[in-house]
Protein backbone atom coordinates (compact mmCIF):
# COMPACT_ATOMS: atom_id res chain seq x y z
CA MET A 1 -55.71 56.34 16.06
CA ASP A 2 -56.93 59.96 16.04
CA SER A 3 -57.94 60.96 12.54
CA LYS A 4 -60.35 63.30 10.80
CA MET A 5 -61.04 60.55 8.25
CA PRO A 6 -63.72 58.03 9.29
CA ILE A 7 -62.19 54.79 10.56
CA THR A 8 -63.84 51.38 10.60
CA ILE A 9 -62.49 49.13 13.36
CA VAL A 10 -62.84 45.37 13.01
CA ASP A 11 -62.33 42.86 15.79
CA ALA A 12 -60.91 39.84 13.94
CA SER A 13 -60.39 37.66 17.01
CA TYR A 14 -60.35 33.91 16.43
CA ASN A 15 -59.24 30.86 18.38
CA ILE A 16 -56.30 29.15 16.74
CA PRO A 17 -55.33 25.71 18.13
CA GLY A 18 -54.11 26.12 21.71
CA SER A 19 -56.07 29.29 22.47
CA THR A 20 -59.13 29.33 24.73
CA GLY A 21 -62.21 31.43 25.34
CA ASN A 22 -65.08 32.60 23.16
CA PRO A 23 -63.97 35.43 20.86
CA LYS A 24 -67.51 36.71 20.21
CA GLU A 25 -68.48 36.76 23.89
CA GLU A 26 -65.20 38.45 24.76
CA HIS A 27 -65.90 41.01 22.05
CA PHE A 28 -69.14 41.88 23.82
CA LEU A 29 -67.32 42.13 27.15
CA LYS A 30 -64.26 44.09 26.05
CA ARG A 31 -63.66 45.77 22.71
CA ILE A 32 -62.22 48.90 21.16
CA PRO A 33 -65.05 51.47 20.98
CA GLY A 34 -67.05 51.18 17.78
CA ALA A 35 -65.47 47.89 16.69
CA LYS A 36 -67.43 45.48 14.51
CA PHE A 37 -66.96 41.72 14.89
CA PHE A 38 -65.74 39.68 11.90
CA GLU A 39 -66.78 36.02 12.27
CA VAL A 40 -63.91 34.26 10.55
CA ASP A 41 -65.59 30.87 10.21
CA GLU A 42 -68.94 32.34 9.12
CA ILE A 43 -67.65 34.73 6.43
CA ALA A 44 -66.13 31.78 4.60
CA ASP A 45 -66.64 29.31 1.78
CA LYS A 46 -69.18 26.76 3.05
CA SER A 47 -68.76 24.43 0.06
CA THR A 48 -65.53 22.99 1.50
CA LYS A 49 -64.99 20.94 4.63
CA TYR A 50 -62.02 23.11 5.61
CA PRO A 51 -62.65 26.05 7.95
CA HIS A 52 -62.38 29.76 7.10
CA MET A 53 -61.56 29.35 3.42
CA MET A 54 -61.93 32.52 1.34
CA PRO A 55 -65.63 33.31 0.77
CA THR A 56 -67.27 33.80 -2.60
CA ASN A 57 -67.91 37.31 -3.88
CA GLU A 58 -71.63 36.93 -3.22
CA MET A 59 -71.15 35.80 0.38
CA PHE A 60 -68.54 38.45 1.20
CA CYS A 61 -70.64 41.28 -0.23
CA MET A 62 -73.69 40.07 1.69
CA PHE A 63 -71.82 40.01 4.99
CA MET A 64 -70.26 43.41 4.37
CA LYS A 65 -73.75 44.82 3.89
CA LYS A 66 -74.83 43.25 7.16
CA LEU A 67 -71.75 44.70 8.89
CA ARG A 68 -72.10 48.06 7.09
CA ILE A 69 -68.51 47.94 5.80
CA LYS A 70 -68.43 49.71 2.45
CA ASN A 71 -65.74 49.45 -0.19
CA ASP A 72 -64.70 53.09 0.11
CA ASP A 73 -61.46 54.98 0.76
CA ASN A 74 -61.90 55.19 4.51
CA LEU A 75 -59.34 53.44 6.69
CA LEU A 76 -60.23 50.00 8.04
CA VAL A 77 -58.18 48.74 11.00
CA CYS A 78 -58.17 45.08 12.07
CA TYR A 79 -57.15 43.87 15.52
CA ASP A 80 -57.48 40.74 17.63
CA ARG A 81 -57.43 39.84 21.31
CA LEU A 82 -54.29 37.67 21.12
CA GLY A 83 -52.01 40.39 19.77
CA MET A 84 -51.64 39.92 16.04
CA ILE A 85 -52.68 36.36 15.25
CA SER A 86 -55.94 36.30 13.29
CA SER A 87 -56.15 39.99 12.35
CA PRO A 88 -53.60 39.60 9.50
CA ARG A 89 -55.89 36.95 7.94
CA VAL A 90 -58.82 39.39 7.95
CA TRP A 91 -56.54 42.19 6.71
CA TYR A 92 -55.51 39.95 3.80
CA THR A 93 -59.12 39.01 3.10
CA PHE A 94 -60.10 42.66 2.74
CA LYS A 95 -57.07 43.33 0.56
CA LEU A 96 -57.95 40.45 -1.76
CA PHE A 97 -61.51 41.71 -2.04
CA GLY A 98 -60.27 45.11 -3.20
CA LYS A 99 -60.34 47.23 -0.06
CA LYS A 100 -57.40 49.60 -0.55
CA ASN A 101 -56.98 51.32 2.81
CA VAL A 102 -56.58 48.47 5.31
CA ALA A 103 -54.23 48.16 8.29
CA VAL A 104 -53.54 45.92 11.27
CA LEU A 105 -53.24 47.31 14.79
CA ASP A 106 -49.67 46.44 15.80
CA GLY A 107 -49.85 44.47 19.04
CA GLY A 108 -53.64 44.23 18.91
CA LEU A 109 -55.92 44.46 21.94
CA PRO A 110 -53.17 43.59 24.49
CA LYS A 111 -51.10 46.58 23.34
CA TRP A 112 -54.23 48.78 23.34
CA LEU A 113 -54.94 47.75 26.94
CA ALA A 114 -51.33 48.17 28.05
CA GLU A 115 -51.36 51.75 26.80
CA GLY A 116 -54.52 52.55 28.73
CA HIS A 117 -56.85 53.26 25.83
CA PRO A 118 -60.64 53.16 26.34
CA LEU A 119 -62.89 50.14 25.93
CA GLU A 120 -66.59 49.54 25.60
CA SER A 121 -68.74 46.63 26.73
CA SER A 122 -72.25 45.63 25.66
CA LYS A 123 -74.15 43.09 23.63
CA TYR A 124 -75.60 44.19 20.33
CA ASP A 125 -76.80 42.74 17.02
CA ILE A 126 -73.64 42.12 14.99
CA TYR A 127 -75.54 42.06 11.71
CA GLN A 128 -78.06 44.51 10.27
CA ASP A 129 -80.57 44.10 7.46
CA ASP A 130 -78.67 43.86 4.18
CA LYS A 131 -81.81 44.48 2.09
CA THR A 132 -81.78 48.21 2.88
CA GLU A 133 -78.30 48.82 1.48
CA ASN A 134 -77.20 50.03 -1.96
CA ASP A 135 -75.31 47.31 -3.85
CA GLN A 136 -73.00 49.92 -5.38
CA ASP A 137 -71.50 50.67 -1.97
CA TYR A 138 -70.43 47.06 -1.52
CA MET A 139 -68.77 46.18 -4.82
CA PHE A 140 -66.09 43.78 -3.60
CA SER A 141 -64.38 41.31 -5.93
CA LEU A 142 -61.91 38.58 -4.98
CA ASP A 143 -58.47 38.63 -6.62
CA LYS A 144 -58.18 34.89 -7.23
CA SER A 145 -54.61 35.23 -8.54
CA LYS A 146 -53.45 35.62 -4.93
CA ILE A 147 -55.04 32.35 -3.77
CA MET A 148 -53.29 29.09 -4.65
CA ASN A 149 -55.11 25.77 -4.74
CA LEU A 150 -53.77 22.27 -4.18
CA ASP A 151 -53.04 21.58 -7.86
CA LYS A 152 -50.98 24.74 -8.23
CA VAL A 153 -49.00 24.09 -5.07
CA LYS A 154 -48.33 20.50 -6.18
CA LYS A 155 -46.84 21.81 -9.43
CA VAL A 156 -44.72 24.42 -7.64
CA SER A 157 -43.55 21.85 -5.09
CA LYS A 158 -42.47 19.47 -7.86
CA GLU A 159 -40.66 22.31 -9.63
CA LEU A 160 -38.84 23.35 -6.45
CA VAL A 161 -37.72 19.81 -5.68
CA GLU A 162 -36.42 19.33 -9.21
CA ASN A 163 -34.95 22.79 -9.79
CA LYS A 164 -35.11 25.04 -6.74
CA THR A 165 -32.64 27.67 -7.98
CA GLY A 166 -34.33 28.00 -11.36
CA SER A 167 -37.89 28.52 -10.12
CA ASN A 168 -39.83 31.77 -9.94
CA TRP A 169 -41.66 30.42 -6.90
CA GLN A 170 -41.05 29.70 -3.24
CA ILE A 171 -43.29 28.10 -0.62
CA LEU A 172 -42.96 29.60 2.86
CA ASP A 173 -44.40 27.74 5.85
CA ALA A 174 -45.34 29.76 8.97
CA ARG A 175 -45.63 26.82 11.40
CA SER A 176 -43.11 26.01 14.12
CA SER A 177 -39.92 24.26 13.08
CA GLY A 178 -41.01 21.10 14.90
CA ARG A 179 -44.24 20.84 12.95
CA PHE A 180 -42.45 21.77 9.73
CA GLN A 181 -39.76 19.12 10.25
CA GLY A 182 -42.27 16.50 11.36
CA THR A 183 -40.80 16.13 14.86
CA ALA A 184 -43.79 17.71 16.63
CA PRO A 185 -47.41 16.58 16.26
CA GLU A 186 -50.06 18.61 14.50
CA PRO A 187 -52.72 20.13 16.78
CA ARG A 188 -55.52 18.86 14.54
CA PRO A 189 -56.39 15.24 15.45
CA GLY A 190 -55.47 12.65 12.85
CA LEU A 191 -53.43 15.00 10.69
CA ARG A 192 -49.92 13.79 9.91
CA SER A 193 -46.93 16.05 10.51
CA GLY A 194 -44.32 17.15 7.98
CA SER A 195 -44.02 19.78 5.29
CA ILE A 196 -44.60 20.44 1.61
CA PRO A 197 -41.55 19.21 -0.37
CA GLY A 198 -39.36 22.09 -1.48
CA SER A 199 -40.80 24.54 1.06
CA ILE A 200 -38.88 26.70 3.54
CA ASN A 201 -39.85 27.77 7.04
CA THR A 202 -40.20 31.00 9.04
CA PHE A 203 -42.16 30.49 12.26
CA PHE A 204 -44.49 33.47 12.57
CA MET A 205 -43.74 33.85 16.29
CA SER A 206 -40.12 34.69 15.47
CA LEU A 207 -41.30 37.99 13.97
CA TYR A 208 -42.71 39.35 17.25
CA ASN A 209 -41.37 41.35 20.11
CA GLU A 210 -42.46 40.28 23.60
CA ASP A 211 -45.53 42.55 23.39
CA LYS A 212 -46.69 40.87 20.16
CA THR A 213 -45.75 43.86 18.01
CA PHE A 214 -43.62 43.30 14.93
CA LYS A 215 -39.87 43.52 15.21
CA SER A 216 -38.08 46.20 13.21
CA PRO A 217 -38.05 45.89 9.40
CA GLU A 218 -34.30 45.19 9.55
CA GLU A 219 -34.75 42.37 12.06
CA MET A 220 -37.62 40.79 10.14
CA ARG A 221 -35.72 40.94 6.88
CA LYS A 222 -32.79 39.10 8.48
CA ILE A 223 -35.15 36.43 9.80
CA PHE A 224 -36.70 35.87 6.38
CA GLU A 225 -33.35 35.94 4.58
CA SER A 226 -31.91 33.39 7.02
CA ALA A 227 -34.77 31.07 6.00
CA GLY A 228 -33.94 31.56 2.34
CA VAL A 229 -36.74 33.93 1.31
CA ASN A 230 -35.92 35.60 -2.00
CA PHE A 231 -36.77 39.32 -2.09
CA ASP A 232 -36.55 39.53 -5.88
CA GLU A 233 -40.00 40.75 -6.97
CA ASN A 234 -39.93 38.23 -9.83
CA ILE A 235 -40.22 35.49 -7.20
CA ASN A 236 -43.73 34.74 -5.92
CA VAL A 237 -43.72 33.47 -2.35
CA ILE A 238 -46.67 31.17 -1.65
CA ASN A 239 -47.46 31.29 2.06
CA SER A 240 -48.75 28.29 3.95
CA CYS A 241 -49.33 27.27 7.58
CA GLY A 242 -51.74 24.93 9.36
CA SER A 243 -55.02 26.29 7.98
CA GLY A 244 -54.29 29.50 6.08
CA MET A 245 -54.45 31.68 9.18
CA THR A 246 -50.93 32.44 10.46
CA ALA A 247 -49.50 32.32 6.93
CA CYS A 248 -51.07 35.78 6.60
CA ILE A 249 -48.81 37.03 9.41
CA ASN A 250 -45.83 36.25 7.18
CA ILE A 251 -47.59 37.93 4.25
CA LEU A 252 -48.17 41.05 6.34
CA ALA A 253 -44.58 41.11 7.59
CA LEU A 254 -43.20 40.64 4.08
CA LYS A 255 -45.43 43.45 2.86
CA ALA A 256 -44.17 45.70 5.65
CA ILE A 257 -40.58 45.26 4.50
CA GLY A 258 -41.24 45.67 0.80
CA LYS A 259 -42.03 42.18 -0.51
CA SER A 260 -45.41 42.32 -2.23
CA ASN A 261 -45.19 39.40 -4.68
CA THR A 262 -46.83 36.93 -2.32
CA SER A 263 -49.84 34.63 -2.33
CA LEU A 264 -51.69 32.28 0.01
CA TYR A 265 -52.20 28.53 -0.12
CA ASP A 266 -55.59 28.66 1.54
CA GLY A 267 -55.91 24.96 2.31
CA SER A 268 -52.37 24.89 3.73
CA TRP A 269 -51.18 21.85 5.70
CA MET A 270 -54.66 20.75 6.80
CA GLU A 271 -55.38 20.01 3.12
CA TRP A 272 -51.91 18.94 1.96
CA GLY A 273 -51.26 16.73 4.99
CA GLU A 274 -54.60 15.00 4.55
CA VAL A 275 -54.68 14.62 0.77
CA ILE A 276 -51.02 14.12 -0.18
CA LYS A 277 -49.47 10.95 1.19
CA PRO A 278 -45.72 10.87 1.99
């Protein structure tokens, strides 16, 4: 990561269902030098009962001031402590808010540690006073065209069920095949299992090597194609998962192999499975 251009490093660690520990406390104990901590559930829309939904412009700009992350041309690199699980969500968040030069550290903190790179450890105030900052340095604006709500996904689902080959849309689910097929329970208590009608499935874990780095572009393309993903840029692939988190791994992988016409169903299965009855 040596560069003459200033780099902002963001620790995007978050506990998905099944993971343990306290991401913030572990950030204080062991982080890449200079990394800032992005609180996924705090920098989020608080008007909904669902966790880590995309924040409003006002909220995002306020938090970026507190974190001192400007909307400039400098490189911003996201990583997480599990490899590459929650960092793609934060990468996508920055992309949707207009940050141009954003990347994800392939393999995350485990890969960093395995290669013997330095760490730092200390507690510090994550947020600084936002009142001292110039608003012009933090002009972020959400691209809402890349976020799909329940009504839109319902329409696309109906269209896919009725005329899958004639649609300009696909819905790609990043959960495991068991959860997608309804043969394995959901990790969130009380949430039914199953999938959105008309959707297809690529489990995000299938895209990784053993060290949690991405497989080669050729391998990933084969995985997506075997699931039925259409690489025609006229086709918009709506990405879904359990809560809008790991769907962003598929978005990142698709972007890496040349598929940019993608979007996110933010509510994902936690909303669909609760609201839509089979």
